[in-house]
Structure formats: structure tokens, C-alpha cells
């Protein structure tokens, strides 16, 4: 159970979000994400200004309460709570622990869409697997077998910014497992991670694309910087 201080932290955050509700903007934001989530209707710039005091070091809840706190925020209807939860977690990256991956998986598997999944995969999971590389294969195997497109997308995108730290064998394994998918978000992610790696090794990416039966979308995205 959360402490009274952490419950108050959440309550005060909601008190700051609610008065800034903009129904017209909320409808636009909702439509942009295919009407899957509710919004207060707060712009990104305004939300970050509102939440800035909550992210000051002196205001941060103890790490011991972080998992429960984030899950409470993640269970709220309004998407602004989910965005805040992600940015809150960034403040704890220097204190990442091995069990934190369970929280990241929960976030990817619930309230799922690209606008949250990509940040979690790229920044939170990416940082996690640099710290605990021995955990990569086990988790990515589970995600690839899960039939959850967002976990599968995460198996690709956690290495998005790895550059010369890229585990090429694992990347190839993930891509080959997902070949033949007709899912846009999978094929887009395959192309995206290859395109990003082409900044580091364009020759490897060109040869891999030539030798692999990628979807037209994946191939087009992979070669965008090379072509």
C-alpha cells in the first residue's frame, strides 16, 4: 500500500491537471490516437510546465514506492497521467534495479500504443539492458513468442540508440522471427531500427536488406538514409 505522502503526491498532481482541461483539444488528442484514450486536453508544453515541480529531486517519492505509484498512474483514464509516469521514471534511471523490467513490461502490455511504448522501449528498456545485458535474450525470447505486438516491437526498439553497442546477433534473430508479419507497427519498427543503425554501419544494413525478405515498408524505412 502506498504511503499517505505518495497518495497525496498523486492527488495534488490530479488537482493541477484537472483545472487545465480543454475539451476541444482533448477531442483532437483522442482522435489522433484513434479514440483509444481519454485526455484532459493539455498540450505537451503546458503539461511539462505543470508537472515540473513534481519532478524536482526533493519532491520525488521513494524508489521503494515507485512500482506501485506508476501502476496507479497507469490505471488512470487520462493519457496525461501515463505521460507523466514515464517522465517520472526517467528521474530514477541512475537507480535502475534488476526487477524494474517487470514494471516496464507491465506498462508496455497495458494502455498500449506507440506514443508510450516507443519511449519505454527506447529509453527505459534500452538503459535497462545496457545495465543488465545478461537479461536480454531471455526477455526478448518471451516477447517474441508472446504474440503481443507491443512487446515484439520493444524487442526491436530497445536497441534503437545503441549504435556501436548494437547486439547484431540478437537484432537479426528478432527480425527473422518477425518476418512475414502483416502488422504495420512491427514492419515499421524493423525498418526504423535498421535505419538508425545505418548511421553507424550503412554497409552492414545494405547487405542485410539485400539478403533478407523484408516487407516493402521495412525495406523502404531501412534504406531511407542510405538511398
Foldseek 3Di string as FASTA:
>chain_A
DDDPLLVVLVVVLCVLLQVPADVVQQVVVCVVQVNPAGASNADPVRLCVSCVVCQPPVNQDDPVCLLVSQVVLLPDRHCSSNVVNLVSVVSCLVVDDLVCVVSLVVSCQGPHDCVRLLSSLQPVVLSNCVVVVVCLPVQQVCLLPVPPVSSLLSNQRSCQPVAVPDPVVSNVVSVVSCAPDPDPSNLQSLLNSLLSNCVRPVVVSVVVLVVDPGDPNSSCSNCVVVD
